[in-house]
Structure formats: C-alpha cells, structure tokens
Amino acid sequence: MVPRARFGDATDHGGTITTGSPTVSIDGLPGARLGDTHSCPIHGDNPIVSGSGVWTNDGLPCARLGDTTACGATIVSGSPVVYLD
C-alpha cells in the first residue's frame, strides 16, 4: 500500500501537482489522477502518466507516491492517512 497523491504534493524534480479531482477530496485536497498536471521547474507543465491499476476517481486511475509524470519526475509525497494498492 502506498500513499495517495493530492493537489500540491511534491515530485523529485522540485515541482508540485497543480490539478486534481473536482469531486474527490483527500485530506481536504483534490485527489490527483492520471492526466492531472504537474508543474516542473525543469520541464514546465506536463501530465501524470502512471497510476493505480485498481483505484479510480472520475473514471481515471488514482495517482500515488512513486507514480511518474511525462517529464520523468516521480511523485515523492502523498497523504499521511490514505493508502492505495
């Protein structure tokens, strides 16, 4: 089980997740999903390209700690209380 990613969570390129679900809140923040935007200080804005094979929000796979973005950044922070397979 790994932490669920949310709006504002960090990546290893020094960026953050800048969009999220309009309908699902994780710890008071929009839950991040496949296709949501990551703002990378190295490569600019680009989407999250991996996610859960089991859990979805709004029909899209949920993003988690360790998932990646189109520029190769890895999500390095997530919810302290919500975990997914």
PDB file of N, CA and C in Angstrom:
ATOM      1  N   MET A   1       0.844  -1.176   0.000  1.00  0.00           N
ATOM      2  CA  MET A   1       0.000   0.000   0.000  1.00  0.00           C
ATOM      3  C   MET A   1       0.896   1.248   0.000  1.00  0.00           C
ATOM      4  N   VAL A   2       0.524   2.219  -0.820  1.00  0.00           N
ATOM      5  CA  VAL A   2       1.309   3.453  -0.932  1.00  0.00           C
ATOM      6  C   VAL A   2       0.401   4.674  -0.736  1.00  0.00           C
ATOM      7  N   PRO A   3       0.964   5.801  -0.275  1.00  0.00           N
ATOM      8  CA  PRO A   3       0.161   7.000  -0.065  1.00  0.00           C
ATOM      9  C   PRO A   3      -0.471   7.519  -1.358  1.00  0.00           C
ATOM     10  N   ARG A   4      -1.675   8.014  -1.230  1.00  0.00           N
ATOM     11  CA  ARG A   4      -2.443   8.604  -2.323  1.00  0.00           C
ATOM     12  C   ARG A   4      -1.914  10.004  -2.585  1.00  0.00           C
ATOM     13  N   ALA A   5      -1.705  10.363  -3.861  1.00  0.00           N
ATOM     14  CA  ALA A   5      -1.219  11.699  -4.232  1.00  0.00           C
ATOM     15  C   ALA A   5      -2.378  12.690  -4.315  1.00  0.00           C
ATOM     16  N   ARG A   6      -2.049  13.956  -4.012  1.00  0.00           N
ATOM     17  CA  ARG A   6      -3.049  15.014  -3.971  1.00  0.00           C
ATOM     18  C   ARG A   6      -2.516  16.293  -4.607  1.00  0.00           C
ATOM     19  N   PHE A   7      -3.410  17.222  -4.867  1.00  0.00           N
ATOM     20  CA  PHE A   7      -3.029  18.566  -5.299  1.00  0.00           C
ATOM     21  C   PHE A   7      -1.981  19.108  -4.328  1.00  0.00           C
ATOM     22  N   GLY A   8      -0.886  19.653  -4.861  1.00  0.00           N
ATOM     23  CA  GLY A   8       0.153  20.244  -4.026  1.00  0.00           C
ATOM     24  C   GLY A   8       1.261  19.302  -3.615  1.00  0.00           C
ATOM     25  N   ASP A   9       1.088  17.992  -3.828  1.00  0.00           N
ATOM     26  CA  ASP A   9       2.155  17.059  -3.458  1.00  0.00           C
ATOM     27  C   ASP A   9       3.363  17.248  -4.376  1.00  0.00           C
ATOM     28  N   ALA A  10       4.532  16.908  -3.846  1.00  0.00           N
ATOM     29  CA  ALA A  10       5.810  17.187  -4.500  1.00  0.00           C
ATOM     30  C   ALA A  10       6.296  16.055  -5.399  1.00  0.00           C
ATOM     31  N   THR A  11       7.195  16.441  -6.332  1.00  0.00           N
ATOM     32  CA  THR A  11       7.904  15.469  -7.163  1.00  0.00           C
ATOM     33  C   THR A  11       9.406  15.652  -6.973  1.00  0.00           C
ATOM     34  N   ASP A  12      10.162  14.678  -7.446  1.00  0.00           N
ATOM     35  CA  ASP A  12      11.617  14.742  -7.278  1.00  0.00           C
ATOM     36  C   ASP A  12      12.304  15.715  -8.232  1.00  0.00           C
ATOM     37  N   HIS A  13      11.553  16.398  -9.092  1.00  0.00           N
ATOM     38  CA  HIS A  13      12.125  17.458  -9.926  1.00  0.00           C
ATOM     39  C   HIS A  13      11.925  18.821  -9.276  1.00  0.00           C
ATOM     40  N   GLY A  14      11.384  18.849  -8.065  1.00  0.00           N
ATOM     41  CA  GLY A  14      11.152  20.101  -7.363  1.00  0.00           C
ATOM     42  C   GLY A  14       9.828  20.759  -7.679  1.00  0.00           C
ATOM     43  N   GLY A  15       8.964  20.057  -8.393  1.00  0.00           N
ATOM     44  CA  GLY A  15       7.664  20.603  -8.755  1.00  0.00           C
ATOM     45  C   GLY A  15       6.554  20.094  -7.862  1.00  0.00           C
ATOM     46  N   THR A  16       5.326  20.487  -8.214  1.00  0.00           N
ATOM     47  CA  THR A  16       4.149  20.050  -7.472  1.00  0.00           C
ATOM     48  C   THR A  16       3.021  19.676  -8.421  1.00  0.00           C
ATOM     49  N   ILE A  17       2.083  18.909  -7.900  1.00  0.00           N
ATOM     50  CA  ILE A  17       0.869  18.571  -8.640  1.00  0.00           C
ATOM     51  C   ILE A  17      -0.052  19.781  -8.561  1.00  0.00           C
ATOM     52  N   THR A  18      -0.516  20.268  -9.724  1.00  0.00           N
ATOM     53  CA  THR A  18      -1.263  21.524  -9.772  1.00  0.00           C
ATOM     54  C   THR A  18      -2.724  21.386 -10.165  1.00  0.00           C
ATOM     55  N   THR A  19      -3.187  20.177 -10.454  1.00  0.00           N
ATOM     56  CA  THR A  19      -4.617  19.952 -10.683  1.00  0.00           C
ATOM     57  C   THR A  19      -5.015  18.669  -9.973  1.00  0.00           C
ATOM     58  N   GLY A  20      -6.325  18.465  -9.843  1.00  0.00           N
ATOM     59  CA  GLY A  20      -6.821  17.263  -9.180  1.00  0.00           C
ATOM     60  C   GLY A  20      -8.307  17.096  -9.414  1.00  0.00           C
ATOM     61  N   SER A  21      -8.862  16.084  -8.815  1.00  0.00           N
ATOM     62  CA  SER A  21     -10.269  15.745  -8.980  1.00  0.00           C
ATOM     63  C   SER A  21     -11.193  16.858  -8.489  1.00  0.00           C
ATOM     64  N   PRO A  22     -12.225  17.181  -9.285  1.00  0.00           N
ATOM     65  CA  PRO A  22     -13.211  18.154  -8.815  1.00  0.00           C
ATOM     66  C   PRO A  22     -14.219  17.535  -7.845  1.00  0.00           C
ATOM     67  N   THR A  23     -14.199  16.203  -7.717  1.00  0.00           N
ATOM     68  CA  THR A  23     -15.220  15.528  -6.907  1.00  0.00           C
ATOM     69  C   THR A  23     -14.684  14.746  -5.719  1.00  0.00           C
ATOM     70  N   VAL A  24     -13.374  14.482  -5.666  1.00  0.00           N
ATOM     71  CA  VAL A  24     -12.809  13.666  -4.586  1.00  0.00           C
ATOM     72  C   VAL A  24     -11.759  14.458  -3.821  1.00  0.00           C
ATOM     73  N   SER A  25     -11.948  14.535  -2.507  1.00  0.00           N
ATOM     74  CA  SER A  25     -11.026  15.247  -1.629  1.00  0.00           C
ATOM     75  C   SER A  25     -10.280  14.245  -0.754  1.00  0.00           C
ATOM     76  N   ILE A  26      -8.959  14.386  -0.691  1.00  0.00           N
ATOM     77  CA  ILE A  26      -8.099  13.556   0.152  1.00  0.00           C
ATOM     78  C   ILE A  26      -7.439  14.497   1.159  1.00  0.00           C
ATOM     79  N   ASP A  27      -7.745  14.344   2.427  1.00  0.00           N
ATOM     80  CA  ASP A  27      -7.197  15.234   3.466  1.00  0.00           C
ATOM     81  C   ASP A  27      -7.505  16.703   3.157  1.00  0.00           C
ATOM     82  N   GLY A  28      -8.661  16.970   2.564  1.00  0.00           N
ATOM     83  CA  GLY A  28      -9.058  18.334   2.240  1.00  0.00           C
ATOM     84  C   GLY A  28      -8.478  18.888   0.953  1.00  0.00           C
ATOM     85  N   LEU A  29      -7.761  18.047   0.193  1.00  0.00           N
ATOM     86  CA  LEU A  29      -7.154  18.464  -1.075  1.00  0.00           C
ATOM     87  C   LEU A  29      -7.686  17.600  -2.209  1.00  0.00           C
ATOM     88  N   PRO A  30      -7.796  18.146  -3.432  1.00  0.00           N
ATOM     89  CA  PRO A  30      -8.235  17.323  -4.560  1.00  0.00           C
ATOM     90  C   PRO A  30      -7.287  16.140  -4.789  1.00  0.00           C
ATOM     91  N   GLY A  31      -7.846  14.960  -4.992  1.00  0.00           N
ATOM     92  CA  GLY A  31      -7.041  13.778  -5.288  1.00  0.00           C
ATOM     93  C   GLY A  31      -6.454  13.858  -6.686  1.00  0.00           C
ATOM     94  N   ALA A  32      -5.176  13.509  -6.830  1.00  0.00           N
ATOM     95  CA  ALA A  32      -4.508  13.536  -8.140  1.00  0.00           C
ATOM     96  C   ALA A  32      -4.815  12.256  -8.907  1.00  0.00           C
ATOM     97  N   ARG A  33      -4.908  12.390 -10.245  1.00  0.00           N
ATOM     98  CA  ARG A  33      -5.253  11.273 -11.122  1.00  0.00           C
ATOM     99  C   ARG A  33      -4.363  11.258 -12.356  1.00  0.00           C
ATOM    100  N   LEU A  34      -4.398  10.167 -13.074  1.00  0.00           N
ATOM    101  CA  LEU A  34      -3.732  10.078 -14.372  1.00  0.00           C
ATOM    102  C   LEU A  34      -4.193  11.258 -15.221  1.00  0.00           C
ATOM    103  N   GLY A  35      -3.252  11.983 -15.813  1.00  0.00           N
ATOM    104  CA  GLY A  35      -3.577  13.118 -16.668  1.00  0.00           C
ATOM    105  C   GLY A  35      -3.594  14.458 -15.965  1.00  0.00           C
ATOM    106  N   ASP A  36      -3.655  14.462 -14.625  1.00  0.00           N
ATOM    107  CA  ASP A  36      -3.581  15.738 -13.916  1.00  0.00           C
ATOM    108  C   ASP A  36      -2.200  16.354 -14.118  1.00  0.00           C
ATOM    109  N   THR A  37      -2.121  17.660 -13.946  1.00  0.00           N
ATOM    110  CA  THR A  37      -0.909  18.407 -14.281  1.00  0.00           C
ATOM    111  C   THR A  37       0.088  18.484 -13.129  1.00  0.00           C
ATOM    112  N   HIS A  38       1.352  18.366 -13.526  1.00  0.00           N
ATOM    113  CA  HIS A  38       2.493  18.558 -12.624  1.00  0.00           C
ATOM    114  C   HIS A  38       3.252  19.757 -13.172  1.00  0.00           C
ATOM    115  N   SER A  39       3.537  20.728 -12.320  1.00  0.00           N
ATOM    116  CA  SER A  39       4.320  21.891 -12.726  1.00  0.00           C
ATOM    117  C   SER A  39       5.777  21.637 -12.354  1.00  0.00           C
ATOM    118  N   CYS A  40       6.605  21.408 -13.373  1.00  0.00           N
ATOM    119  CA  CYS A  40       8.010  21.063 -13.172  1.00  0.00           C
ATOM    120  C   CYS A  40       8.887  22.286 -13.439  1.00  0.00           C
ATOM    121  N   PRO A  41       9.740  22.679 -12.489  1.00  0.00           N
ATOM    122  CA  PRO A  41      10.606  23.829 -12.725  1.00  0.00           C
ATOM    123  C   PRO A  41      11.666  23.579 -13.801  1.00  0.00           C
ATOM    124  N   ILE A  42      11.896  22.317 -14.136  1.00  0.00           N
ATOM    125  CA  ILE A  42      12.886  21.966 -15.159  1.00  0.00           C
ATOM    126  C   ILE A  42      12.244  21.868 -16.540  1.00  0.00           C
ATOM    127  N   HIS A  43      11.055  21.237 -16.626  1.00  0.00           N
ATOM    128  CA  HIS A  43      10.440  20.920 -17.912  1.00  0.00           C
ATOM    129  C   HIS A  43       9.098  21.592 -18.174  1.00  0.00           C
ATOM    130  N   GLY A  44       8.604  22.404 -17.275  1.00  0.00           N
ATOM    131  CA  GLY A  44       7.302  23.048 -17.456  1.00  0.00           C
ATOM    132  C   GLY A  44       6.161  22.132 -17.045  1.00  0.00           C
ATOM    133  N   ASP A  45       4.954  22.491 -17.466  1.00  0.00           N
ATOM    134  CA  ASP A  45       3.769  21.710 -17.107  1.00  0.00           C
ATOM    135  C   ASP A  45       3.667  20.457 -17.960  1.00  0.00           C
ATOM    136  N   ASN A  46       3.359  19.345 -17.316  1.00  0.00           N
ATOM    137  CA  ASN A  46       3.172  18.082 -18.029  1.00  0.00           C
ATOM    138  C   ASN A  46       2.315  17.156 -17.182  1.00  0.00           C
ATOM    139  N   PRO A  47       1.696  16.135 -17.797  1.00  0.00           N
ATOM    140  CA  PRO A  47       0.740  15.300 -17.076  1.00  0.00           C
ATOM    141  C   PRO A  47       1.368  14.156 -16.278  1.00  0.00           C
ATOM    142  N   ILE A  48       0.601  13.697 -15.304  1.00  0.00           N
ATOM    143  CA  ILE A  48       0.913  12.446 -14.610  1.00  0.00           C
ATOM    144  C   ILE A  48       0.600  11.319 -15.586  1.00  0.00           C
ATOM    145  N   VAL A  49       1.525  10.380 -15.763  1.00  0.00           N
ATOM    146  CA  VAL A  49       1.360   9.338 -16.782  1.00  0.00           C
ATOM    147  C   VAL A  49       1.243   7.921 -16.223  1.00  0.00           C
ATOM    148  N   SER A  50       1.270   7.762 -14.907  1.00  0.00           N
ATOM    149  CA  SER A  50       1.032   6.432 -14.337  1.00  0.00           C
ATOM    150  C   SER A  50       0.115   6.576 -13.136  1.00  0.00           C
ATOM    151  N   GLY A  51      -0.554   5.470 -12.787  1.00  0.00           N
ATOM    152  CA  GLY A  51      -1.489   5.496 -11.668  1.00  0.00           C
ATOM    153  C   GLY A  51      -1.902   4.094 -11.279  1.00  0.00           C
ATOM    154  N   SER A  52      -2.817   4.014 -10.348  1.00  0.00           N
ATOM    155  CA  SER A  52      -3.295   2.739  -9.826  1.00  0.00           C
ATOM    156  C   SER A  52      -3.984   1.909 -10.903  1.00  0.00           C
ATOM    157  N   GLY A  53      -3.731   0.609 -10.880  1.00  0.00           N
ATOM    158  CA  GLY A  53      -4.439  -0.313 -11.760  1.00  0.00           C
ATOM    159  C   GLY A  53      -5.742  -0.792 -11.148  1.00  0.00           C
ATOM    160  N   VAL A  54      -6.032  -0.341  -9.926  1.00  0.00           N
ATOM    161  CA  VAL A  54      -7.218  -0.795  -9.192  1.00  0.00           C
ATOM    162  C   VAL A  54      -8.182   0.349  -8.883  1.00  0.00           C
ATOM    163  N   TRP A  55      -7.662   1.465  -8.365  1.00  0.00           N
ATOM    164  CA  TRP A  55      -8.493   2.559  -7.863  1.00  0.00           C
ATOM    165  C   TRP A  55      -8.609   3.687  -8.877  1.00  0.00           C
ATOM    166  N   THR A  56      -9.829   4.258  -9.000  1.00  0.00           N
ATOM    167  CA  THR A  56     -10.067   5.374  -9.910  1.00  0.00           C
ATOM    168  C   THR A  56     -10.833   6.497  -9.216  1.00  0.00           C
ATOM    169  N   ASN A  57     -10.699   7.701  -9.757  1.00  0.00           N
ATOM    170  CA  ASN A  57     -11.517   8.872  -9.422  1.00  0.00           C
ATOM    171  C   ASN A  57     -12.002   9.437 -10.730  1.00  0.00           C
ATOM    172  N   ASP A  58     -13.286   9.703 -10.830  1.00  0.00           N
ATOM    173  CA  ASP A  58     -13.839  10.312 -12.039  1.00  0.00           C
ATOM    174  C   ASP A  58     -13.477   9.498 -13.282  1.00  0.00           C
ATOM    175  N   GLY A  59     -13.356   8.168 -13.126  1.00  0.00           N
ATOM    176  CA  GLY A  59     -13.029   7.284 -14.242  1.00  0.00           C
ATOM    177  C   GLY A  59     -11.562   7.254 -14.623  1.00  0.00           C
ATOM    178  N   LEU A  60     -10.708   7.915 -13.853  1.00  0.00           N
ATOM    179  CA  LEU A  60      -9.271   7.962 -14.141  1.00  0.00           C
ATOM    180  C   LEU A  60      -8.494   7.283 -13.020  1.00  0.00           C
ATOM    181  N   PRO A  61      -7.393   6.578 -13.345  1.00  0.00           N
ATOM    182  CA  PRO A  61      -6.582   5.947 -12.298  1.00  0.00           C
ATOM    183  C   PRO A  61      -6.065   6.975 -11.284  1.00  0.00           C
ATOM    184  N   CYS A  62      -6.108   6.612 -10.014  1.00  0.00           N
ATOM    185  CA  CYS A  62      -5.592   7.465  -8.937  1.00  0.00           C
ATOM    186  C   CYS A  62      -4.069   7.499  -8.980  1.00  0.00           C
ATOM    187  N   ALA A  63      -3.499   8.674  -8.752  1.00  0.00           N
ATOM    188  CA  ALA A  63      -2.038   8.813  -8.657  1.00  0.00           C
ATOM    189  C   ALA A  63      -1.596   8.539  -7.225  1.00  0.00           C
ATOM    190  N   ARG A  64      -0.378   7.973  -7.102  1.00  0.00           N
ATOM    191  CA  ARG A  64       0.158   7.583  -5.799  1.00  0.00           C
ATOM    192  C   ARG A  64       1.629   7.959  -5.703  1.00  0.00           C
ATOM    193  N   LEU A  65       2.152   7.904  -4.493  1.00  0.00           N
ATOM    194  CA  LEU A  65       3.586   8.050  -4.276  1.00  0.00           C
ATOM    195  C   LEU A  65       4.306   7.059  -5.195  1.00  0.00           C
ATOM    196  N   GLY A  66       5.310   7.517  -5.935  1.00  0.00           N
ATOM    197  CA  GLY A  66       6.067   6.646  -6.830  1.00  0.00           C
ATOM    198  C   GLY A  66       5.592   6.660  -8.267  1.00  0.00           C
ATOM    199  N   ASP A  67       4.379   7.181  -8.526  1.00  0.00           N
ATOM    200  CA  ASP A  67       3.933   7.296  -9.914  1.00  0.00           C
ATOM    201  C   ASP A  67       4.724   8.405 -10.600  1.00  0.00           C
ATOM    202  N   THR A  68       4.680   8.434 -11.938  1.00  0.00           N
ATOM    203  CA  THR A  68       5.544   9.326 -12.710  1.00  0.00           C
ATOM    204  C   THR A  68       4.766  10.304 -13.587  1.00  0.00           C
ATOM    205  N   THR A  69       5.507  11.311 -14.063  1.00  0.00           N
ATOM    206  CA  THR A  69       4.956  12.318 -14.965  1.00  0.00           C
ATOM    207  C   THR A  69       5.626  12.182 -16.335  1.00  0.00           C
ATOM    208  N   ALA A  70       5.103  12.915 -17.317  1.00  0.00           N
ATOM    209  CA  ALA A  70       5.630  12.824 -18.681  1.00  0.00           C
ATOM    210  C   ALA A  70       7.085  13.264 -18.791  1.00  0.00           C
ATOM    211  N   CYS A  71       7.559  14.113 -17.879  1.00  0.00           N
ATOM    212  CA  CYS A  71       8.957  14.559 -17.950  1.00  0.00           C
ATOM    213  C   CYS A  71       9.898  13.622 -17.197  1.00  0.00           C
ATOM    214  N   GLY A  72       9.349  12.572 -16.595  1.00  0.00           N
ATOM    215  CA  GLY A  72      10.173  11.613 -15.867  1.00  0.00           C
ATOM    216  C   GLY A  72      10.251  11.855 -14.376  1.00  0.00           C
ATOM    217  N   ALA A  73       9.568  12.891 -13.886  1.00  0.00           N
ATOM    218  CA  ALA A  73       9.550  13.148 -12.440  1.00  0.00           C
ATOM    219  C   ALA A  73       8.734  12.070 -11.731  1.00  0.00           C
ATOM    220  N   THR A  74       9.115  11.791 -10.496  1.00  0.00           N
ATOM    221  CA  THR A  74       8.412  10.825  -9.652  1.00  0.00           C
ATOM    222  C   THR A  74       7.729  11.567  -8.511  1.00  0.00           C
ATOM    223  N   ILE A  75       6.489  11.187  -8.209  1.00  0.00           N
ATOM    224  CA  ILE A  75       5.764  11.772  -7.078  1.00  0.00           C
ATOM    225  C   ILE A  75       6.408  11.270  -5.791  1.00  0.00           C
ATOM    226  N   VAL A  76       6.814  12.212  -4.920  1.00  0.00           N
ATOM    227  CA  VAL A  76       7.561  11.840  -3.714  1.00  0.00           C
ATOM    228  C   VAL A  76       6.843  12.176  -2.413  1.00  0.00           C
ATOM    229  N   SER A  77       5.630  12.699  -2.485  1.00  0.00           N
ATOM    230  CA  SER A  77       4.855  12.910  -1.261  1.00  0.00           C
ATOM    231  C   SER A  77       3.405  12.549  -1.523  1.00  0.00           C
ATOM    232  N   GLY A  78       2.677  12.307  -0.446  1.00  0.00           N
ATOM    233  CA  GLY A  78       1.281  11.915  -0.563  1.00  0.00           C
ATOM    234  C   GLY A  78       0.581  11.994   0.775  1.00  0.00           C
ATOM    235  N   SER A  79      -0.632  11.508   0.811  1.00  0.00           N
ATOM    236  CA  SER A  79      -1.447  11.554   2.021  1.00  0.00           C
ATOM    237  C   SER A  79      -0.804  10.781   3.167  1.00  0.00           C
ATOM    238  N   PRO A  80      -0.837  11.353   4.375  1.00  0.00           N
ATOM    239  CA  PRO A  80      -0.325  10.613   5.528  1.00  0.00           C
ATOM    240  C   PRO A  80      -1.311   9.574   6.059  1.00  0.00           C
ATOM    241  N   VAL A  81      -2.556   9.581   5.542  1.00  0.00           N
ATOM    242  CA  VAL A  81      -3.565   8.659   6.084  1.00  0.00           C
ATOM    243  C   VAL A  81      -4.303   7.816   5.049  1.00  0.00           C
ATOM    244  N   VAL A  82      -4.235   8.174   3.759  1.00  0.00           N
ATOM    245  CA  VAL A  82      -4.949   7.420   2.722  1.00  0.00           C
ATOM    246  C   VAL A  82      -3.938   6.663   1.872  1.00  0.00           C
ATOM    247  N   TYR A  83      -4.082   5.335   1.851  1.00  0.00           N
ATOM    248  CA  TYR A  83      -3.156   4.460   1.126  1.00  0.00           C
ATOM    249  C   TYR A  83      -3.919   3.621   0.111  1.00  0.00           C
ATOM    250  N   LEU A  84      -3.279   3.320  -1.030  1.00  0.00           N
ATOM    251  CA  LEU A  84      -3.881   2.508  -2.088  1.00  0.00           C
ATOM    252  C   LEU A  84      -2.963   1.361  -2.465  1.00  0.00           C
ATOM    253  N   ASP A  85      -3.555   0.333  -3.066  1.00  0.00           N
ATOM    254  CA  ASP A  85      -2.780  -0.792  -3.608  1.00  0.00           C
ATOM    255  C   ASP A  85      -2.026  -0.344  -4.837  1.00  0.00           C
TER     256      ASP A  85
END
